[in-house]
Amino acid sequence: MPLNPAFADIVELLVAVPDGDEQAVAAVRQRDAQLTKPPGSLGQLEGLVEFLARWQHRSKPRLDNPMVTIFAGNHGVTDQGVSAFPREVTAQMVANFTNGGAAISQICGLHEINLRVFELALELPTGDITKEPALDDQMCAATIAYGMEAVAGKPDLICLGEMGIGNTTVAAAIYAALYGGSGAEWVGRGTGVDDEGLKRKADVVDRALALHRTELDHPLAILARLGGREICAMLGALVAARHQKVPVIIDGYVATTAAAIAHAVNPAAINHCLFAHVSAEGAHEQVLSKMGQSGLLDLGMRLGEGSGAALAAVMAKTALHLHNNMATFEGASVSGKTV
């Protein structure tokens, strides 16, 4: 089927992506070579500063306004018994985020990271993907456009997280449509389903793939048929961030679906993205491998809500602080290398 014209602008934004700033990276490396440490001794922390410089297009990168964004949406597929928790928990957790009671709220508060929560029509779940498309093409495109507003506050780093009961099932369906395989190869326990619940999730994915099989011929069509509003919005935020020179940190299993859709359209469209961690949910490590990526951290986490991305942002803040505040060999009167 031809791609709906509603997606034309989005495809163009994904294809015509600006390059990173290698001169900014060179400036970072020049300063790093002067710091009082052996070259390369801070390992990936040094790479984090280069990542910020490259995608902020700044020879002196900054983290004055890092932000975690949580996009929340509800899913009709929860009617199929794929989650250990009812759909109402999505709205309840949104309230918990804003009231400061969630893990992500505490991480952001402790480390002075801004937290924004975007509610996406929680009273209107997406279609049950075993019976109908999740979204029509126009609504999918409009929700992607809405997600682009996440960069309006001019963050210098944006972390993408999500909340949505049932969305690990949706994510598994997207991965199966993109990469092949059965539902059993992609589903995980999500919020903690038992063995029977895991079988139901796999069956739901297989049924959804069979129902929509003739319409899964483009990544954005896959997103509309099988996805969710929070995934659409994360894709929009990812796209806008690239064009606004904002580096992105992607959270876990569900958030990675937005990057997987972008990558399937244009692999270079996710070059400005860092993957925070390898989730314990589903086949996340396999997804990262499909995109030629790896997670910065591997802590056995599967919470979602941007928690892993926020911890990666803490590491980025630490790396940048070291880069900016360590003494140079000359400033500290420390002898440099002789050989």
Protein backbone atom coordinates (compact mmCIF):
# COMPACT_ATOMS: atom_id res chain seq x y z
CA MET A 1 0.00 0.00 0.00
CA PRO A 2 1.24 3.55 -0.68
CA LEU A 3 2.18 5.52 2.42
CA ASN A 4 -0.49 7.94 3.57
CA PRO A 5 0.40 11.55 2.62
CA ALA A 6 -0.18 12.45 6.29
CA PHE A 7 3.28 11.00 6.95
CA ALA A 8 5.13 12.85 4.17
CA ASP A 9 6.53 15.65 6.34
CA ILE A 10 7.63 13.22 9.03
CA VAL A 11 9.49 11.05 6.55
CA GLU A 12 11.20 14.15 5.17
CA LEU A 13 12.32 15.19 8.65
CA LEU A 14 13.68 11.71 9.30
CA VAL A 15 15.58 11.59 6.03
CA ALA A 16 16.97 15.15 5.89
CA VAL A 17 18.72 15.09 9.26
CA PRO A 18 21.57 17.49 10.09
CA ASP A 19 25.01 16.06 10.77
CA GLY A 20 26.84 16.35 14.06
CA ASP A 21 29.54 18.96 14.69
CA GLU A 22 32.93 17.28 14.47
CA GLN A 23 34.80 20.55 15.08
CA ALA A 24 33.08 20.75 18.47
CA VAL A 25 34.22 17.20 19.19
CA ALA A 26 37.79 18.10 18.24
CA ALA A 27 37.72 21.01 20.71
CA VAL A 28 36.51 18.70 23.48
CA ARG A 29 39.29 16.23 22.72
CA GLN A 30 41.88 19.00 22.75
CA ARG A 31 40.86 20.06 26.26
CA ASP A 32 40.57 16.46 27.43
CA ALA A 33 44.19 15.88 26.41
CA GLN A 34 45.26 18.64 28.81
CA LEU A 35 43.46 17.29 31.89
CA THR A 36 45.36 15.73 34.76
CA LYS A 37 44.76 12.09 33.88
CA PRO A 38 46.12 9.50 31.48
CA PRO A 39 44.51 9.75 28.03
CA GLY A 40 41.32 7.71 27.82
CA SER A 41 41.36 6.85 31.50
CA LEU A 42 37.79 8.02 32.10
CA GLY A 43 36.57 5.66 29.39
CA GLN A 44 32.96 6.16 28.35
CA LEU A 45 32.69 9.32 30.46
CA GLU A 46 34.96 11.01 27.93
CA GLY A 47 32.73 9.75 25.12
CA LEU A 48 29.68 11.24 26.83
CA VAL A 49 31.17 14.73 26.66
CA GLU A 50 31.98 14.23 22.99
CA PHE A 51 28.39 13.05 22.43
CA LEU A 52 27.05 16.25 24.00
CA ALA A 53 29.40 18.45 22.00
CA ARG A 54 28.66 16.74 18.69
CA TRP A 55 24.88 16.99 18.93
CA GLN A 56 24.59 20.30 20.77
CA HIS A 57 26.98 21.72 18.16
CA ARG A 58 28.96 23.35 20.98
CA SER A 59 32.70 23.15 21.58
CA LYS A 60 31.83 23.83 25.22
CA PRO A 61 28.75 21.64 25.81
CA ARG A 62 26.45 22.43 28.68
CA LEU A 63 23.76 20.81 30.77
CA ASP A 64 21.94 23.79 32.21
CA ASN A 65 18.50 22.43 31.32
CA PRO A 66 18.48 18.62 31.09
CA MET A 67 14.97 17.23 30.93
CA VAL A 68 13.23 13.90 31.34
CA THR A 69 9.97 13.67 29.40
CA ILE A 70 7.40 11.01 30.21
CA PHE A 71 4.71 10.42 27.60
CA ALA A 72 1.68 8.56 28.93
CA GLY A 73 -0.94 6.74 26.87
CA ASN A 74 -3.54 4.01 27.28
CA HIS A 75 -4.01 0.91 25.16
CA GLY A 76 -7.13 -0.94 24.10
CA VAL A 77 -5.19 -4.19 23.97
CA THR A 78 -5.32 -4.35 27.76
CA ASP A 79 -8.81 -5.81 27.24
CA GLN A 80 -6.97 -9.00 26.24
CA GLY A 81 -5.53 -9.56 29.73
CA VAL A 82 -1.93 -8.73 28.85
CA SER A 83 -1.08 -6.78 32.00
CA ALA A 84 -0.97 -7.56 35.70
CA PHE A 85 -2.42 -4.09 36.41
CA PRO A 86 -5.63 -2.41 35.22
CA ARG A 87 -5.61 0.45 32.71
CA GLU A 88 -6.51 3.01 35.39
CA VAL A 89 -2.99 2.68 36.77
CA THR A 90 -1.65 4.80 33.89
CA ALA A 91 -3.48 7.91 35.13
CA GLN A 92 -2.72 7.04 38.74
CA MET A 93 0.99 6.82 37.99
CA VAL A 94 0.89 10.13 36.11
CA ALA A 95 -0.42 11.69 39.32
CA ASN A 96 2.34 9.93 41.24
CA PHE A 97 4.96 11.40 38.91
CA THR A 98 3.71 14.94 39.40
CA ASN A 99 3.29 14.46 43.16
CA GLY A 100 6.90 13.34 43.50
CA GLY A 101 6.22 9.78 44.63
CA ALA A 102 7.67 7.80 41.72
CA ALA A 103 11.23 6.58 41.27
CA ILE A 104 11.75 8.95 38.35
CA SER A 105 10.49 11.87 40.43
CA GLN A 106 13.05 11.11 43.11
CA ILE A 107 15.93 10.64 40.66
CA CYS A 108 15.17 13.93 38.93
CA GLY A 109 14.72 15.79 42.22
CA LEU A 110 17.99 14.52 43.66
CA HIS A 111 20.03 15.34 40.57
CA GLU A 112 18.34 18.59 39.50
CA ILE A 113 16.89 17.27 36.26
CA ASN A 114 13.65 18.79 34.99
CA LEU A 115 10.71 16.40 34.70
CA ARG A 116 7.81 16.93 32.31
CA VAL A 117 4.86 14.60 31.95
CA PHE A 118 2.68 14.60 28.83
CA GLU A 119 -0.75 12.98 29.14
CA LEU A 120 -2.02 11.73 25.80
CA ALA A 121 -5.80 11.35 25.88
CA LEU A 122 -5.74 8.81 28.71
CA GLU A 123 -9.53 8.66 28.64
CA LEU A 124 -9.39 7.43 25.04
CA PRO A 125 -7.39 4.20 24.72
CA THR A 126 -6.01 3.20 21.35
CA GLY A 127 -7.79 0.51 19.39
CA ASP A 128 -7.36 -3.10 20.48
CA ILE A 129 -4.70 -4.19 17.99
CA THR A 130 -6.14 -7.72 17.83
CA LYS A 131 -9.35 -6.27 16.37
CA GLU A 132 -8.52 -2.92 14.72
CA PRO A 133 -5.67 -0.46 14.13
CA ALA A 134 -4.30 1.26 17.21
CA LEU A 135 -4.61 4.64 15.48
CA ASP A 136 -5.63 5.93 12.10
CA ASP A 137 -2.84 7.49 10.06
CA GLN A 138 -3.97 11.08 10.65
CA MET A 139 -4.10 10.65 14.43
CA CYS A 140 -0.72 8.92 14.41
CA ALA A 141 0.83 11.78 12.43
CA ALA A 142 -0.82 14.40 14.64
CA THR A 143 0.49 12.71 17.78
CA ILE A 144 4.01 12.59 16.35
CA ALA A 145 3.69 16.33 15.68
CA TYR A 146 2.48 16.88 19.25
CA GLY A 147 5.54 15.09 20.60
CA MET A 148 7.75 17.58 18.77
CA GLU A 149 6.58 20.21 21.26
CA ALA A 150 8.67 18.51 23.95
CA VAL A 151 11.69 20.54 22.85
CA ALA A 152 9.83 23.87 23.10
CA GLY A 153 11.36 24.53 26.51
CA LYS A 154 14.82 24.48 24.91
CA PRO A 155 16.37 21.59 26.85
CA ASP A 156 20.05 20.96 26.25
CA LEU A 157 19.48 17.22 26.74
CA ILE A 158 16.21 15.30 26.53
CA CYS A 159 15.53 11.88 28.03
CA LEU A 160 12.61 9.91 26.61
CA GLY A 161 10.47 7.84 28.94
CA GLU A 162 6.93 6.49 28.93
CA MET A 163 4.03 5.21 30.96
CA GLY A 164 1.20 3.06 29.64
CA ILE A 165 -0.32 -0.13 30.97
CA GLY A 166 -0.16 -2.67 28.14
CA ASN A 167 2.62 -0.96 26.22
CA THR A 168 5.19 -3.75 26.52
CA THR A 169 2.79 -5.87 24.45
CA VAL A 170 2.52 -3.10 21.89
CA ALA A 171 6.31 -2.70 21.82
CA ALA A 172 6.75 -6.43 21.24
CA ALA A 173 4.31 -6.28 18.33
CA ILE A 174 6.22 -3.40 16.75
CA TYR A 175 9.53 -5.24 17.07
CA ALA A 176 8.07 -8.41 15.57
CA ALA A 177 6.68 -6.40 12.65
CA LEU A 178 10.02 -4.64 12.08
CA TYR A 179 12.37 -7.58 12.58
CA GLY A 180 10.31 -10.72 12.10
CA GLY A 181 9.64 -13.62 14.42
CA SER A 182 6.73 -14.66 16.60
CA GLY A 183 5.28 -12.95 19.63
CA ALA A 184 7.01 -15.41 21.94
CA GLU A 185 10.39 -14.15 20.74
CA TRP A 186 9.67 -10.55 21.74
CA VAL A 187 7.36 -10.43 24.75
CA GLY A 188 8.46 -10.14 28.37
CA ARG A 189 6.68 -10.12 31.70
CA GLY A 190 6.04 -6.37 31.70
CA THR A 191 4.40 -5.37 34.97
CA GLY A 192 4.77 -8.93 36.25
CA VAL A 193 2.42 -11.29 34.43
CA ASP A 194 2.57 -15.00 35.27
CA ASP A 195 3.34 -17.76 32.79
CA GLU A 196 -0.23 -17.83 31.48
CA GLY A 197 -0.13 -14.07 31.09
CA LEU A 198 3.10 -14.34 29.12
CA LYS A 199 1.47 -16.84 26.75
CA ARG A 200 -1.49 -14.49 26.32
CA LYS A 201 0.86 -11.65 25.43
CA ALA A 202 2.62 -13.76 22.80
CA ASP A 203 -0.71 -14.87 21.36
CA VAL A 204 -1.98 -11.29 21.24
CA VAL A 205 1.10 -10.20 19.30
CA ASP A 206 0.68 -13.05 16.82
CA ARG A 207 -3.01 -12.25 16.32
CA ALA A 208 -2.28 -8.56 15.79
CA LEU A 209 0.42 -9.33 13.23
CA ALA A 210 -1.92 -11.66 11.35
CA LEU A 211 -4.76 -9.12 11.34
CA HIS A 212 -2.65 -6.25 10.00
CA ARG A 213 -0.15 -8.22 7.91
CA THR A 214 -1.06 -6.55 4.58
CA GLU A 215 -0.58 -3.05 6.04
CA LEU A 216 2.79 -3.39 7.77
CA ASP A 217 4.89 -2.38 4.77
CA HIS A 218 6.34 0.87 6.15
CA PRO A 219 7.68 1.72 9.62
CA LEU A 220 5.13 4.52 10.11
CA ALA A 221 2.32 2.24 9.01
CA ILE A 222 3.53 -0.27 11.61
CA LEU A 223 3.45 2.48 14.22
CA ALA A 224 -0.13 3.44 13.34
CA ARG A 225 -1.47 -0.12 13.22
CA LEU A 226 0.30 -1.50 16.28
CA GLY A 227 1.64 1.40 18.33
CA GLY A 228 0.47 3.83 20.96
CA ARG A 229 0.19 7.54 21.47
CA GLU A 230 3.19 7.63 23.79
CA ILE A 231 5.36 5.93 21.18
CA CYS A 232 4.21 8.34 18.48
CA ALA A 233 4.98 11.30 20.72
CA MET A 234 8.43 9.96 21.64
CA LEU A 235 9.18 9.64 17.93
CA GLY A 236 8.15 13.26 17.44
CA ALA A 237 10.37 14.40 20.30
CA LEU A 238 13.29 12.42 18.88
CA VAL A 239 12.86 13.98 15.43
CA ALA A 240 12.47 17.53 16.72
CA ALA A 241 15.48 17.15 18.99
CA ARG A 242 17.71 16.27 16.04
CA HIS A 243 16.66 19.37 14.13
CA GLN A 244 16.94 21.61 17.22
CA LYS A 245 20.44 20.35 18.13
CA VAL A 246 19.38 18.54 21.29
CA PRO A 247 21.00 15.18 22.11
CA VAL A 248 18.64 12.42 23.21
CA ILE A 249 18.88 9.64 25.76
CA ILE A 250 16.46 6.77 25.19
CA ASP A 251 15.18 4.78 28.17
CA GLY A 252 14.31 1.09 27.91
CA TYR A 253 12.27 -1.52 26.05
CA VAL A 254 9.24 0.58 25.19
CA ALA A 255 11.00 3.90 24.59
CA THR A 256 13.36 2.15 22.19
CA THR A 257 10.42 1.45 19.86
CA ALA A 258 10.40 5.13 18.86
CA ALA A 259 14.08 4.89 17.91
CA ALA A 260 13.49 1.59 16.10
CA ILE A 261 10.81 3.20 13.92
CA ALA A 262 13.10 6.14 13.13
CA HIS A 263 16.02 3.80 12.41
CA ALA A 264 13.89 1.72 10.05
CA VAL A 265 13.11 4.86 8.03
CA ASN A 266 16.70 6.14 8.09
CA PRO A 267 19.46 4.56 10.22
CA ALA A 268 21.23 7.94 10.48
CA ALA A 269 18.13 9.46 12.11
CA ILE A 270 19.13 8.07 15.53
CA ASN A 271 22.81 9.08 15.50
CA HIS A 272 22.03 11.76 18.08
CA CYS A 273 20.55 9.17 20.45
CA LEU A 274 22.24 7.39 23.33
CA PHE A 275 20.62 4.24 24.69
CA ALA A 276 20.66 4.47 28.45
CA HIS A 277 20.58 0.85 29.48
CA VAL A 278 19.84 -2.73 28.56
CA SER A 279 16.42 -3.45 30.01
CA ALA A 280 15.60 -6.77 31.64
CA GLU A 281 12.28 -6.65 29.75
CA GLY A 282 11.70 -8.75 26.66
CA ALA A 283 14.36 -8.89 24.00
CA HIS A 284 15.70 -5.38 24.47
CA GLU A 285 19.32 -6.35 23.96
CA GLN A 286 18.36 -8.02 20.69
CA VAL A 287 16.59 -4.84 19.53
CA LEU A 288 19.65 -2.73 20.31
CA SER A 289 21.81 -5.19 18.38
CA LYS A 290 19.50 -4.90 15.36
CA MET A 291 20.22 -1.17 15.33
CA GLY A 292 23.95 -1.58 15.95
CA GLN A 293 23.61 -0.06 19.42
CA SER A 294 24.42 -0.99 22.99
CA GLY A 295 23.17 0.22 26.34
CA LEU A 296 25.35 2.48 28.48
CA LEU A 297 24.26 0.70 31.67
CA ASP A 298 23.16 -2.84 32.47
CA LEU A 299 21.51 -2.80 35.88
CA GLY A 300 18.73 -5.35 35.38
CA MET A 301 16.15 -2.54 35.38
CA ARG A 302 12.73 -2.77 33.70
CA LEU A 303 10.79 0.04 35.36
CA GLY A 304 10.30 2.35 32.41
CA GLU A 305 9.16 5.91 33.16
CA GLY A 306 12.52 7.26 32.01
CA SER A 307 14.35 5.93 35.06
CA GLY A 308 17.29 4.41 33.19
CA ALA A 309 17.58 7.46 30.94
CA ALA A 310 17.71 9.74 33.96
CA LEU A 311 20.55 7.71 35.46
CA ALA A 312 22.43 7.98 32.17
CA ALA A 313 21.85 11.75 32.30
CA VAL A 314 23.40 11.77 35.78
CA MET A 315 26.45 10.11 34.27
CA ALA A 316 26.51 12.71 31.50
CA LYS A 317 26.32 15.51 34.08
CA THR A 318 29.18 13.93 36.00
CA ALA A 319 31.27 13.52 32.85
CA LEU A 320 30.73 17.14 31.84
CA HIS A 321 31.52 18.39 35.36
CA LEU A 322 34.82 16.53 35.28
CA HIS A 323 35.63 17.86 31.82
CA ASN A 324 34.94 21.45 32.85
CA ASN A 325 36.43 21.45 36.33
CA MET A 326 39.40 19.12 36.43
CA ALA A 327 42.74 20.90 36.44
CA THR A 328 45.00 20.88 33.42
CA PHE A 329 48.59 19.66 33.70
CA GLU A 330 49.81 23.22 33.32
CA GLY A 331 47.32 24.70 35.77
CA ALA A 332 48.11 22.14 38.46
CA SER A 333 51.86 22.16 37.81
CA VAL A 334 51.75 18.45 37.07
CA SER A 335 54.28 17.03 34.64
CA GLY A 336 52.85 15.62 31.44
CA LYS A 337 53.78 12.43 29.61
CA THR A 338 57.45 11.99 28.73
CA VAL A 339 57.00 9.03 26.33
